[in-house]
Amino acid sequence: MSSSPEAWLLLAPRRALPALAPLIRAHAAHRPVQLVTRDHDAAPACEEIERELTHAAGALLVADVRRSPRSLLPGPFLCDGSGRKVPVGFLPLADAAALTRFASAAAQVQLRPSAPGPLALLGQWDAQVERMIDRSLRILHRPTESQCPTVLRWTADRIVRRRLLEALRVGLGAAIYFGHGRPYGWVGYHGLHARHLCHARGEPTGAMLSLTCHTASRRRVGRSFSESLVLEGVAAAALGAVSATHTVDNWWWGARLCEELAHAPATLAEWLLRACPPRAHAVASYRIIGDPLARLAGASDAAERCRAVWTAAADESPTPPSYDAWLARLAAT
């Protein structure tokens, strides 16, 4: 993708620029930055945004917090005048402290070395999720996938919520969650909700992808879980769904994302463009929250810190033995 336009486009109210200054400087150190500012908080129409995308590799739209990800953008991509898809992320114009947390975390991610960081596969304790995780691991461990980063299995059968929140402080390159989701969080780990994320602040993750329903939806919540991930400074970017999703689409997303890691995508935008499913509904359900050009690089000591995270041994059975198996073992003794 080296022939693609390299600019980072920021569309934001002028009053948000002081809080976002660290991120603007971090991007300017690597690529051209285009600023489109306005005097009001209201978001421009999608047609206006598309006119600005000609030279952009990705765009971040900062707009009134009263606009939801679902109503503001039609999906994770918009098209420029030539029909080229450009990843566009949304950031609600929250209070100054939240914007500062996001900008600081996203700037840290931009300034990391280029090597891909550790990838964590997350998910609830569920037979179908275990199959999705197992398939992802088979793809990632193919002999040809030599460019893939360190892969960690931090599923709910291996690690409890408190330990996972601690583990998310290490500075991962990316994390993918499989399982059920709600507007306020993940069902896995006995419920990992937006209110828990303050305990995950540390070295931010590059991108957090929730391949599940509703995590970018604001239904009956003031702020979606995906929005909380970036505004709490836990990740530079998050991918989440604004509605119910189909399992087959999430399986497709998961497989393609793992396959495309072999090409060592540098940013979330590049990763999503490569892995994009062919079915329109599978794409339209999702939104990018935060910086679409978030790097997939981990903190310098992330791999070492990941090794210090305790999880159940990989060869331990994640489910209790069946009654018949228990009887057979009892008879053998």
C-alpha atoms as a PDB file:
ATOM      1  CA  MET A   1       0.000   0.000   0.000  1.00  0.00           C
ATOM      2  CA  SER A   2       2.980   2.290  -0.330  1.00  0.00           C
ATOM      3  CA  SER A   3       1.391   3.871  -3.445  1.00  0.00           C
ATOM      4  CA  SER A   4      -1.677   4.980  -1.471  1.00  0.00           C
ATOM      5  CA  PRO A   5      -2.021   8.571  -0.245  1.00  0.00           C
ATOM      6  CA  GLU A   6      -0.265   9.018   3.091  1.00  0.00           C
ATOM      7  CA  ALA A   7      -1.942  12.047   4.650  1.00  0.00           C
ATOM      8  CA  TRP A   8      -3.794  11.964   7.968  1.00  0.00           C
ATOM      9  CA  LEU A   9      -6.957  14.064   7.818  1.00  0.00           C
ATOM     10  CA  LEU A  10      -8.376  15.601  10.991  1.00  0.00           C
ATOM     11  CA  LEU A  11     -11.810  17.239  10.861  1.00  0.00           C
ATOM     12  CA  ALA A  12     -12.483  18.888  14.206  1.00  0.00           C
ATOM     13  CA  PRO A  13     -13.893  21.961  15.942  1.00  0.00           C
ATOM     14  CA  ARG A  14     -11.207  24.510  16.722  1.00  0.00           C
ATOM     15  CA  ARG A  15     -11.856  24.213  20.450  1.00  0.00           C
ATOM     16  CA  ALA A  16     -10.729  20.559  20.350  1.00  0.00           C
ATOM     17  CA  LEU A  17      -7.294  21.295  18.864  1.00  0.00           C
ATOM     18  CA  PRO A  18      -5.424  22.096  22.110  1.00  0.00           C
ATOM     19  CA  ALA A  19      -6.352  18.721  23.620  1.00  0.00           C
ATOM     20  CA  LEU A  20      -5.522  16.900  20.364  1.00  0.00           C
ATOM     21  CA  ALA A  21      -2.188  18.680  19.857  1.00  0.00           C
ATOM     22  CA  PRO A  22       0.005  15.704  21.005  1.00  0.00           C
ATOM     23  CA  LEU A  23      -1.592  13.434  18.407  1.00  0.00           C
ATOM     24  CA  ILE A  24      -1.296  16.051  15.656  1.00  0.00           C
ATOM     25  CA  ARG A  25       2.429  16.435  16.385  1.00  0.00           C
ATOM     26  CA  ALA A  26       2.944  12.661  16.476  1.00  0.00           C
ATOM     27  CA  HIS A  27       1.354  12.213  13.048  1.00  0.00           C
ATOM     28  CA  ALA A  28       3.241  15.192  11.615  1.00  0.00           C
ATOM     29  CA  ALA A  29       6.503  13.434  12.482  1.00  0.00           C
ATOM     30  CA  HIS A  30       5.616  10.610  10.053  1.00  0.00           C
ATOM     31  CA  ARG A  31       3.257  11.901   7.361  1.00  0.00           C
ATOM     32  CA  PRO A  32       1.471  14.971   5.955  1.00  0.00           C
ATOM     33  CA  VAL A  33      -1.345  16.232   8.172  1.00  0.00           C
ATOM     34  CA  GLN A  34      -4.458  17.920   6.800  1.00  0.00           C
ATOM     35  CA  LEU A  35      -6.526  19.961   9.249  1.00  0.00           C
ATOM     36  CA  VAL A  36     -10.097  20.914   8.432  1.00  0.00           C
ATOM     37  CA  THR A  37     -11.401  22.986  11.319  1.00  0.00           C
ATOM     38  CA  ARG A  38     -14.760  24.562  12.031  1.00  0.00           C
ATOM     39  CA  ASP A  39     -16.161  26.997  14.587  1.00  0.00           C
ATOM     40  CA  HIS A  40     -19.036  24.767  15.698  1.00  0.00           C
ATOM     41  CA  ASP A  41     -19.346  21.243  17.108  1.00  0.00           C
ATOM     42  CA  ALA A  42     -21.781  19.923  14.514  1.00  0.00           C
ATOM     43  CA  ALA A  43     -20.400  17.297  12.157  1.00  0.00           C
ATOM     44  CA  PRO A  44     -20.128  17.940   8.432  1.00  0.00           C
ATOM     45  CA  ALA A  45     -22.235  15.810   6.112  1.00  0.00           C
ATOM     46  CA  CYS A  46     -20.616  12.700   4.655  1.00  0.00           C
ATOM     47  CA  GLU A  47     -20.551  14.365   1.223  1.00  0.00           C
ATOM     48  CA  GLU A  48     -18.452  17.205   2.653  1.00  0.00           C
ATOM     49  CA  ILE A  49     -16.057  14.748   4.299  1.00  0.00           C
ATOM     50  CA  GLU A  50     -15.669  12.769   1.078  1.00  0.00           C
ATOM     51  CA  ARG A  51     -14.556  15.903  -0.772  1.00  0.00           C
ATOM     52  CA  GLU A  52     -11.596  16.186   1.608  1.00  0.00           C
ATOM     53  CA  LEU A  53     -10.421  12.566   1.262  1.00  0.00           C
ATOM     54  CA  THR A  54      -8.489  12.789  -2.019  1.00  0.00           C
ATOM     55  CA  HIS A  55      -5.028  12.693  -0.444  1.00  0.00           C
ATOM     56  CA  ALA A  56      -5.919  10.959   2.817  1.00  0.00           C
ATOM     57  CA  ALA A  57      -4.973   7.465   3.958  1.00  0.00           C
ATOM     58  CA  GLY A  58      -7.356   7.859   6.884  1.00  0.00           C
ATOM     59  CA  ALA A  59      -9.511  10.493   8.541  1.00  0.00           C
ATOM     60  CA  LEU A  60     -10.533  11.256  12.112  1.00  0.00           C
ATOM     61  CA  LEU A  61     -13.825  13.086  12.554  1.00  0.00           C
ATOM     62  CA  VAL A  62     -14.340  14.850  15.898  1.00  0.00           C
ATOM     63  CA  ALA A  63     -17.919  15.980  16.383  1.00  0.00           C
ATOM     64  CA  ASP A  64     -20.699  16.754  18.824  1.00  0.00           C
ATOM     65  CA  VAL A  65     -21.030  14.074  21.500  1.00  0.00           C
ATOM     66  CA  ARG A  66     -24.783  14.058  20.897  1.00  0.00           C
ATOM     67  CA  ARG A  67     -24.202  12.416  17.512  1.00  0.00           C
ATOM     68  CA  SER A  68     -23.795   8.654  17.719  1.00  0.00           C
ATOM     69  CA  PRO A  69     -21.416   6.515  15.641  1.00  0.00           C
ATOM     70  CA  ARG A  70     -24.418   4.862  14.021  1.00  0.00           C
ATOM     71  CA  SER A  71     -26.056   8.075  12.840  1.00  0.00           C
ATOM     72  CA  LEU A  72     -22.927   9.941  11.852  1.00  0.00           C
ATOM     73  CA  LEU A  73     -21.167   7.499   9.511  1.00  0.00           C
ATOM     74  CA  PRO A  74     -22.510   4.700   7.260  1.00  0.00           C
ATOM     75  CA  GLY A  75     -19.662   2.306   8.063  1.00  0.00           C
ATOM     76  CA  PRO A  76     -15.912   2.184   8.662  1.00  0.00           C
ATOM     77  CA  PHE A  77     -15.134   3.611   5.207  1.00  0.00           C
ATOM     78  CA  LEU A  78     -16.126   6.546   3.038  1.00  0.00           C
ATOM     79  CA  CYS A  79     -15.169   6.960  -0.626  1.00  0.00           C
ATOM     80  CA  ASP A  80     -13.254   9.815  -2.206  1.00  0.00           C
ATOM     81  CA  GLY A  81     -14.085  11.254  -5.631  1.00  0.00           C
ATOM     82  CA  SER A  82     -12.440   8.343  -7.434  1.00  0.00           C
ATOM     83  CA  GLY A  83     -14.352   5.686  -5.459  1.00  0.00           C
ATOM     84  CA  ARG A  84     -11.349   4.727  -3.308  1.00  0.00           C
ATOM     85  CA  LYS A  85     -12.335   3.524   0.163  1.00  0.00           C
ATOM     86  CA  VAL A  86     -10.843   5.562   2.999  1.00  0.00           C
ATOM     87  CA  PRO A  87     -11.140   4.464   6.642  1.00  0.00           C
ATOM     88  CA  VAL A  88     -12.796   7.158   8.763  1.00  0.00           C
ATOM     89  CA  GLY A  89     -12.882   7.118  12.555  1.00  0.00           C
ATOM     90  CA  PHE A  90     -15.236   9.023  14.845  1.00  0.00           C
ATOM     91  CA  LEU A  91     -14.357  10.646  18.165  1.00  0.00           C
ATOM     92  CA  PRO A  92     -17.101  12.253  20.258  1.00  0.00           C
ATOM     93  CA  LEU A  93     -16.272  15.748  21.458  1.00  0.00           C
ATOM     94  CA  ALA A  94     -16.103  14.744  25.107  1.00  0.00           C
ATOM     95  CA  ASP A  95     -14.746  16.712  28.059  1.00  0.00           C
ATOM     96  CA  ALA A  96     -11.182  18.020  27.878  1.00  0.00           C
ATOM     97  CA  ALA A  97      -9.815  15.334  30.232  1.00  0.00           C
ATOM     98  CA  ALA A  98     -11.144  12.499  28.046  1.00  0.00           C
ATOM     99  CA  LEU A  99      -9.863  14.110  24.838  1.00  0.00           C
ATOM    100  CA  THR A 100      -6.465  14.590  26.456  1.00  0.00           C
ATOM    101  CA  ARG A 101      -6.347  10.933  27.576  1.00  0.00           C
ATOM    102  CA  PHE A 102      -7.163   9.796  24.051  1.00  0.00           C
ATOM    103  CA  ALA A 103      -4.659  12.129  22.381  1.00  0.00           C
ATOM    104  CA  SER A 104      -1.876  11.156  24.769  1.00  0.00           C
ATOM    105  CA  ALA A 105      -2.505   7.417  24.289  1.00  0.00           C
ATOM    106  CA  ALA A 106      -2.865   7.676  20.504  1.00  0.00           C
ATOM    107  CA  ALA A 107       0.321   9.787  20.289  1.00  0.00           C
ATOM    108  CA  GLN A 108       2.235   7.136  22.260  1.00  0.00           C
ATOM    109  CA  VAL A 109       1.088   4.516  19.765  1.00  0.00           C
ATOM    110  CA  GLN A 110       2.151   6.665  16.787  1.00  0.00           C
ATOM    111  CA  LEU A 111       5.660   7.177  18.159  1.00  0.00           C
ATOM    112  CA  ARG A 112       6.414   3.489  18.784  1.00  0.00           C
ATOM    113  CA  PRO A 113       8.984   1.570  16.714  1.00  0.00           C
ATOM    114  CA  SER A 114       7.683   0.008  13.520  1.00  0.00           C
ATOM    115  CA  ALA A 115       7.882  -3.656  14.572  1.00  0.00           C
ATOM    116  CA  PRO A 116       4.419  -5.269  14.922  1.00  0.00           C
ATOM    117  CA  GLY A 117       3.402  -5.658  18.538  1.00  0.00           C
ATOM    118  CA  PRO A 118       1.855  -8.632  20.321  1.00  0.00           C
ATOM    119  CA  LEU A 119      -1.640  -9.682  19.263  1.00  0.00           C
ATOM    120  CA  ALA A 120      -4.049 -10.886  21.958  1.00  0.00           C
ATOM    121  CA  LEU A 121      -6.991 -13.120  21.075  1.00  0.00           C
ATOM    122  CA  LEU A 122      -9.764 -12.498  23.603  1.00  0.00           C
ATOM    123  CA  GLY A 123     -13.117 -14.189  24.016  1.00  0.00           C
ATOM    124  CA  GLN A 124     -15.747 -15.569  26.318  1.00  0.00           C
ATOM    125  CA  TRP A 125     -15.847 -19.135  27.622  1.00  0.00           C
ATOM    126  CA  ASP A 126     -18.035 -20.655  24.934  1.00  0.00           C
ATOM    127  CA  ALA A 127     -17.661 -23.647  22.617  1.00  0.00           C
ATOM    128  CA  GLN A 128     -18.306 -21.638  19.444  1.00  0.00           C
ATOM    129  CA  VAL A 129     -15.866 -18.942  20.498  1.00  0.00           C
ATOM    130  CA  GLU A 130     -13.248 -21.593  21.236  1.00  0.00           C
ATOM    131  CA  ARG A 131     -13.645 -22.871  17.669  1.00  0.00           C
ATOM    132  CA  MET A 132     -13.187 -19.340  16.320  1.00  0.00           C
ATOM    133  CA  ILE A 133     -10.083 -18.848  18.448  1.00  0.00           C
ATOM    134  CA  ASP A 134      -8.660 -22.240  17.447  1.00  0.00           C
ATOM    135  CA  ARG A 135      -9.171 -21.447  13.769  1.00  0.00           C
ATOM    136  CA  SER A 136      -7.518 -18.051  14.202  1.00  0.00           C
ATOM    137  CA  LEU A 137      -4.529 -19.679  15.867  1.00  0.00           C
ATOM    138  CA  ARG A 138      -4.216 -22.240  13.060  1.00  0.00           C
ATOM    139  CA  ILE A 139      -4.142 -19.416  10.520  1.00  0.00           C
ATOM    140  CA  LEU A 140      -1.607 -17.398  12.497  1.00  0.00           C
ATOM    141  CA  HIS A 141       0.666 -20.392  13.049  1.00  0.00           C
ATOM    142  CA  ARG A 142       0.885 -21.439   9.421  1.00  0.00           C
ATOM    143  CA  PRO A 143       4.523 -21.841   8.301  1.00  0.00           C
ATOM    144  CA  THR A 144       4.039 -19.115   5.697  1.00  0.00           C
ATOM    145  CA  GLU A 145       2.819 -16.563   8.232  1.00  0.00           C
ATOM    146  CA  SER A 146       6.341 -15.638   9.336  1.00  0.00           C
ATOM    147  CA  GLN A 147       5.583 -11.925   9.603  1.00  0.00           C
ATOM    148  CA  CYS A 148       2.959 -12.349  12.320  1.00  0.00           C
ATOM    149  CA  PRO A 149       3.652 -10.881  15.763  1.00  0.00           C
ATOM    150  CA  THR A 150       3.617 -12.754  19.069  1.00  0.00           C
ATOM    151  CA  VAL A 151       0.134 -14.195  19.591  1.00  0.00           C
ATOM    152  CA  LEU A 152      -1.466 -14.534  23.036  1.00  0.00           C
ATOM    153  CA  ARG A 153      -4.559 -16.514  23.979  1.00  0.00           C
ATOM    154  CA  TRP A 154      -6.210 -14.510  26.748  1.00  0.00           C
ATOM    155  CA  THR A 155      -9.663 -16.059  26.588  1.00  0.00           C
ATOM    156  CA  ALA A 156     -12.008 -16.298  29.571  1.00  0.00           C
ATOM    157  CA  ASP A 157     -11.152 -19.962  30.140  1.00  0.00           C
ATOM    158  CA  ARG A 158      -7.514 -18.953  30.681  1.00  0.00           C
ATOM    159  CA  ILE A 159      -7.627 -15.584  32.454  1.00  0.00           C
ATOM    160  CA  VAL A 160     -10.065 -13.828  34.792  1.00  0.00           C
ATOM    161  CA  ARG A 161     -11.309 -10.272  34.350  1.00  0.00           C
ATOM    162  CA  ARG A 162      -9.040  -8.657  36.935  1.00  0.00           C
ATOM    163  CA  ARG A 163      -5.944 -10.233  35.408  1.00  0.00           C
ATOM    164  CA  LEU A 164      -7.047  -9.285  31.912  1.00  0.00           C
ATOM    165  CA  LEU A 165      -7.463  -5.628  32.880  1.00  0.00           C
ATOM    166  CA  GLU A 166      -3.910  -5.724  34.242  1.00  0.00           C
ATOM    167  CA  ALA A 167      -2.696  -7.464  31.083  1.00  0.00           C
ATOM    168  CA  LEU A 168      -4.196  -4.771  28.862  1.00  0.00           C
ATOM    169  CA  ARG A 169      -1.730  -2.276  30.371  1.00  0.00           C
ATOM    170  CA  VAL A 170       1.302  -3.830  28.649  1.00  0.00           C
ATOM    171  CA  GLY A 171       1.020  -1.975  25.335  1.00  0.00           C
ATOM    172  CA  LEU A 172      -0.258  -4.534  22.802  1.00  0.00           C
ATOM    173  CA  GLY A 173      -0.167  -3.935  19.092  1.00  0.00           C
ATOM    174  CA  ALA A 174      -3.754  -5.170  18.739  1.00  0.00           C
ATOM    175  CA  ALA A 175      -6.423  -7.279  20.423  1.00  0.00           C
ATOM    176  CA  ILE A 176      -9.419  -9.096  18.919  1.00  0.00           C
ATOM    177  CA  TYR A 177     -12.448 -10.098  21.003  1.00  0.00           C
ATOM    178  CA  PHE A 178     -14.777 -12.932  19.938  1.00  0.00           C
ATOM    179  CA  GLY A 179     -18.071 -13.620  21.688  1.00  0.00           C
ATOM    180  CA  HIS A 180     -21.190 -11.741  22.701  1.00  0.00           C
ATOM    181  CA  GLY A 181     -21.195  -7.999  23.244  1.00  0.00           C
ATOM    182  CA  ARG A 182     -23.446  -5.270  24.586  1.00  0.00           C
ATOM    183  CA  PRO A 183     -23.391  -1.469  24.262  1.00  0.00           C
ATOM    184  CA  TYR A 184     -21.760  -1.315  27.709  1.00  0.00           C
ATOM    185  CA  GLY A 185     -19.138  -4.046  27.186  1.00  0.00           C
ATOM    186  CA  TRP A 186     -18.229  -7.666  26.593  1.00  0.00           C
ATOM    187  CA  VAL A 187     -20.221 -10.581  27.976  1.00  0.00           C
ATOM    188  CA  GLY A 188     -17.027 -12.602  28.479  1.00  0.00           C
ATOM    189  CA  TYR A 189     -14.943 -12.495  31.675  1.00  0.00           C
ATOM    190  CA  HIS A 190     -18.170 -12.387  33.739  1.00  0.00           C
ATOM    191  CA  GLY A 191     -18.814  -9.030  32.104  1.00  0.00           C
ATOM    192  CA  LEU A 192     -16.040  -6.607  31.201  1.00  0.00           C
ATOM    193  CA  HIS A 193     -17.798  -3.253  31.053  1.00  0.00           C
ATOM    194  CA  ALA A 194     -16.923   0.351  30.325  1.00  0.00           C
ATOM    195  CA  ARG A 195     -16.810   1.137  34.042  1.00  0.00           C
ATOM    196  CA  HIS A 196     -13.910  -1.323  34.453  1.00  0.00           C
ATOM    197  CA  LEU A 197     -11.668   0.320  31.856  1.00  0.00           C
ATOM    198  CA  CYS A 198     -10.073   2.797  34.243  1.00  0.00           C
ATOM    199  CA  HIS A 199      -8.235  -0.247  35.650  1.00  0.00           C
ATOM    200  CA  ALA A 200      -6.744  -0.986  32.199  1.00  0.00           C
ATOM    201  CA  ARG A 201      -4.958   2.353  31.768  1.00  0.00           C
ATOM    202  CA  GLY A 202      -1.241   1.986  31.189  1.00  0.00           C
ATOM    203  CA  GLU A 203       0.656   1.502  27.945  1.00  0.00           C
ATOM    204  CA  PRO A 204      -2.162   1.739  25.366  1.00  0.00           C
ATOM    205  CA  THR A 205      -3.075  -0.913  22.825  1.00  0.00           C
ATOM    206  CA  GLY A 206      -2.838   0.116  19.180  1.00  0.00           C
ATOM    207  CA  ALA A 207      -6.268  -1.182  18.131  1.00  0.00           C
ATOM    208  CA  MET A 208      -9.021  -3.120  19.931  1.00  0.00           C
ATOM    209  CA  LEU A 209     -11.405  -4.995  17.641  1.00  0.00           C
ATOM    210  CA  SER A 210     -14.682  -6.380  19.020  1.00  0.00           C
ATOM    211  CA  LEU A 211     -16.074  -8.904  16.519  1.00  0.00           C
ATOM    212  CA  THR A 212     -19.459  -9.052  18.172  1.00  0.00           C
ATOM    213  CA  CYS A 213     -22.759  -7.197  18.417  1.00  0.00           C
ATOM    214  CA  HIS A 214     -23.478  -3.693  19.705  1.00  0.00           C
ATOM    215  CA  THR A 215     -20.166  -2.562  21.276  1.00  0.00           C
ATOM    216  CA  ALA A 216     -20.267   0.742  19.339  1.00  0.00           C
ATOM    217  CA  SER A 217     -23.998   1.210  19.945  1.00  0.00           C
ATOM    218  CA  ARG A 218     -25.316   3.802  22.377  1.00  0.00           C
ATOM    219  CA  ARG A 219     -28.617   2.074  22.993  1.00  0.00           C
ATOM    220  CA  ARG A 220     -29.526   2.870  26.627  1.00  0.00           C
ATOM    221  CA  VAL A 221     -25.989   4.068  27.411  1.00  0.00           C
ATOM    222  CA  GLY A 222     -24.500   7.547  27.244  1.00  0.00           C
ATOM    223  CA  ARG A 223     -21.241   6.302  25.770  1.00  0.00           C
ATOM    224  CA  SER A 224     -20.651   3.015  23.969  1.00  0.00           C
ATOM    225  CA  PHE A 225     -18.012   0.536  25.062  1.00  0.00           C
ATOM    226  CA  SER A 226     -15.913   1.194  21.940  1.00  0.00           C
ATOM    227  CA  GLU A 227     -16.004   4.932  22.616  1.00  0.00           C
ATOM    228  CA  SER A 228     -14.961   4.311  26.220  1.00  0.00           C
ATOM    229  CA  LEU A 229     -11.969   2.234  25.080  1.00  0.00           C
ATOM    230  CA  VAL A 230     -10.448   5.226  23.300  1.00  0.00           C
ATOM    231  CA  LEU A 231     -11.636   8.018  25.611  1.00  0.00           C
ATOM    232  CA  GLU A 232     -10.226   6.158  28.619  1.00  0.00           C
ATOM    233  CA  GLY A 233      -6.861   5.951  26.833  1.00  0.00           C
ATOM    234  CA  VAL A 234      -6.895   2.126  26.738  1.00  0.00           C
ATOM    235  CA  ALA A 235      -6.511   2.037  22.943  1.00  0.00           C
ATOM    236  CA  ALA A 236      -5.733   4.454  20.123  1.00  0.00           C
ATOM    237  CA  ALA A 237      -8.575   3.000  18.056  1.00  0.00           C
ATOM    238  CA  ALA A 238     -11.452   0.557  18.417  1.00  0.00           C
ATOM    239  CA  LEU A 239     -13.608  -1.308  15.930  1.00  0.00           C
ATOM    240  CA  GLY A 240     -17.130  -2.095  17.110  1.00  0.00           C
ATOM    241  CA  ALA A 241     -20.600  -2.818  15.787  1.00  0.00           C
ATOM    242  CA  VAL A 242     -23.524  -0.424  16.091  1.00  0.00           C
ATOM    243  CA  SER A 243     -26.114  -3.199  15.707  1.00  0.00           C
ATOM    244  CA  ALA A 244     -26.528  -6.955  15.867  1.00  0.00           C
ATOM    245  CA  THR A 245     -24.081  -8.858  13.678  1.00  0.00           C
ATOM    246  CA  HIS A 246     -24.156 -12.274  12.037  1.00  0.00           C
ATOM    247  CA  THR A 247     -21.826 -14.953  13.354  1.00  0.00           C
ATOM    248  CA  VAL A 248     -20.773 -15.932   9.840  1.00  0.00           C
ATOM    249  CA  ASP A 249     -19.681 -12.344   9.171  1.00  0.00           C
ATOM    250  CA  ASN A 250     -17.657 -12.231  12.372  1.00  0.00           C
ATOM    251  CA  TRP A 251     -16.032 -15.544  11.454  1.00  0.00           C
ATOM    252  CA  TRP A 252     -15.107 -14.025   8.097  1.00  0.00           C
ATOM    253  CA  TRP A 253     -13.693 -10.891   9.723  1.00  0.00           C
ATOM    254  CA  GLY A 254     -11.672 -12.966  12.174  1.00  0.00           C
ATOM    255  CA  ALA A 255     -10.187 -15.265   9.536  1.00  0.00           C
ATOM    256  CA  ARG A 256      -9.325 -12.452   7.129  1.00  0.00           C
ATOM    257  CA  LEU A 257      -7.780 -10.295   9.840  1.00  0.00           C
ATOM    258  CA  CYS A 258      -5.535 -13.180  10.894  1.00  0.00           C
ATOM    259  CA  GLU A 259      -4.584 -13.997   7.303  1.00  0.00           C
ATOM    260  CA  GLU A 260      -3.688 -10.393   6.511  1.00  0.00           C
ATOM    261  CA  LEU A 261      -1.319 -10.135   9.461  1.00  0.00           C
ATOM    262  CA  ALA A 262       1.139 -12.102   7.303  1.00  0.00           C
ATOM    263  CA  HIS A 263       1.474  -8.941   5.192  1.00  0.00           C
ATOM    264  CA  ALA A 264       2.501  -6.941   8.274  1.00  0.00           C
ATOM    265  CA  PRO A 265      -0.010  -4.077   7.977  1.00  0.00           C
ATOM    266  CA  ALA A 266       1.363  -1.005   9.698  1.00  0.00           C
ATOM    267  CA  THR A 267      -1.933   0.622  10.681  1.00  0.00           C
ATOM    268  CA  LEU A 268      -5.503  -0.308  11.534  1.00  0.00           C
ATOM    269  CA  ALA A 269      -6.640   1.352   8.294  1.00  0.00           C
ATOM    270  CA  GLU A 270      -4.394  -0.826   6.150  1.00  0.00           C
ATOM    271  CA  TRP A 271      -5.407  -3.949   8.092  1.00  0.00           C
ATOM    272  CA  LEU A 272      -9.141  -3.311   7.678  1.00  0.00           C
ATOM    273  CA  LEU A 273      -8.884  -2.473   3.987  1.00  0.00           C
ATOM    274  CA  ARG A 274      -7.046  -5.735   3.334  1.00  0.00           C
ATOM    275  CA  ALA A 275      -9.401  -7.853   5.459  1.00  0.00           C
ATOM    276  CA  CYS A 276     -12.721  -6.232   4.469  1.00  0.00           C
ATOM    277  CA  PRO A 277     -15.429  -8.920   3.916  1.00  0.00           C
ATOM    278  CA  PRO A 278     -17.270  -8.979   0.575  1.00  0.00           C
ATOM    279  CA  ARG A 279     -20.770  -8.832   2.112  1.00  0.00           C
ATOM    280  CA  ALA A 280     -21.947  -5.234   2.479  1.00  0.00           C
ATOM    281  CA  HIS A 281     -23.910  -5.855   5.689  1.00  0.00           C
ATOM    282  CA  ALA A 282     -20.840  -7.348   7.377  1.00  0.00           C
ATOM    283  CA  VAL A 283     -19.028  -4.060   6.825  1.00  0.00           C
ATOM    284  CA  ALA A 284     -21.889  -1.607   7.379  1.00  0.00           C
ATOM    285  CA  SER A 285     -22.509  -2.898  10.914  1.00  0.00           C
ATOM    286  CA  TYR A 286     -19.088  -1.703  12.092  1.00  0.00           C
ATOM    287  CA  ARG A 287     -17.567   1.675  12.948  1.00  0.00           C
ATOM    288  CA  ILE A 288     -14.034   2.847  13.720  1.00  0.00           C
ATOM    289  CA  ILE A 289     -13.806   4.832  16.928  1.00  0.00           C
ATOM    290  CA  GLY A 290     -10.618   6.851  17.375  1.00  0.00           C
ATOM    291  CA  ASP A 291      -7.622   7.098  15.067  1.00  0.00           C
ATOM    292  CA  PRO A 292      -7.944   4.934  11.924  1.00  0.00           C
ATOM    293  CA  LEU A 293      -4.204   5.301  11.299  1.00  0.00           C
ATOM    294  CA  ALA A 294      -3.369   3.894  14.729  1.00  0.00           C
ATOM    295  CA  ARG A 295      -0.201   1.838  14.431  1.00  0.00           C
ATOM    296  CA  LEU A 296      -0.262  -1.873  15.232  1.00  0.00           C
ATOM    297  CA  ALA A 297       3.078  -1.619  17.030  1.00  0.00           C
ATOM    298  CA  GLY A 298       3.427  -2.583  20.661  1.00  0.00           C
ATOM    299  CA  ALA A 299       5.376  -0.924  23.449  1.00  0.00           C
ATOM    300  CA  SER A 300       9.097  -1.672  23.464  1.00  0.00           C
ATOM    301  CA  ASP A 301       8.864  -4.130  26.377  1.00  0.00           C
ATOM    302  CA  ALA A 302       5.385  -5.478  25.595  1.00  0.00           C
ATOM    303  CA  ALA A 303       6.525  -8.985  24.663  1.00  0.00           C
ATOM    304  CA  GLU A 304       8.454  -9.377  27.931  1.00  0.00           C
ATOM    305  CA  ARG A 305       5.571  -8.036  30.009  1.00  0.00           C
ATOM    306  CA  CYS A 306       3.152 -10.372  28.246  1.00  0.00           C
ATOM    307  CA  ARG A 307       5.220 -13.360  29.333  1.00  0.00           C
ATOM    308  CA  ALA A 308       4.706 -12.271  32.944  1.00  0.00           C
ATOM    309  CA  VAL A 309       0.908 -12.419  32.592  1.00  0.00           C
ATOM    310  CA  TRP A 310      -0.406 -15.555  34.295  1.00  0.00           C
ATOM    311  CA  THR A 311      -2.902 -17.651  32.372  1.00  0.00           C
ATOM    312  CA  ALA A 312      -4.057 -21.244  32.730  1.00  0.00           C
ATOM    313  CA  ALA A 313      -1.758 -23.671  30.939  1.00  0.00           C
ATOM    314  CA  ALA A 314      -2.643 -24.227  27.298  1.00  0.00           C
ATOM    315  CA  ASP A 315      -2.865 -27.992  27.806  1.00  0.00           C
ATOM    316  CA  GLU A 316      -5.350 -27.708  30.670  1.00  0.00           C
ATOM    317  CA  SER A 317      -8.908 -28.581  29.733  1.00  0.00           C
ATOM    318  CA  PRO A 318     -10.976 -25.371  29.738  1.00  0.00           C
ATOM    319  CA  THR A 319     -14.163 -27.314  30.555  1.00  0.00           C
ATOM    320  CA  PRO A 320     -14.938 -29.787  33.331  1.00  0.00           C
ATOM    321  CA  PRO A 321     -14.759 -33.451  32.264  1.00  0.00           C
ATOM    322  CA  SER A 322     -18.006 -35.138  31.354  1.00  0.00           C
ATOM    323  CA  TYR A 323     -19.665 -37.476  33.838  1.00  0.00           C
ATOM    324  CA  ASP A 324     -18.815 -40.523  31.698  1.00  0.00           C
ATOM    325  CA  ALA A 325     -15.165 -39.466  31.465  1.00  0.00           C
ATOM    326  CA  TRP A 326     -15.091 -38.960  35.219  1.00  0.00           C
ATOM    327  CA  LEU A 327     -16.495 -42.470  35.782  1.00  0.00           C
ATOM    328  CA  ALA A 328     -13.948 -43.958  33.372  1.00  0.00           C
ATOM    329  CA  ARG A 329     -11.063 -42.316  35.203  1.00  0.00           C
ATOM    330  CA  LEU A 330     -12.498 -43.438  38.552  1.00  0.00           C
ATOM    331  CA  ALA A 331     -12.745 -47.034  37.330  1.00  0.00           C
ATOM    332  CA  ALA A 332      -9.177 -46.916  36.055  1.00  0.00           C
ATOM    333  CA  THR A 333      -7.918 -46.059  39.520  1.00  0.00           C
END
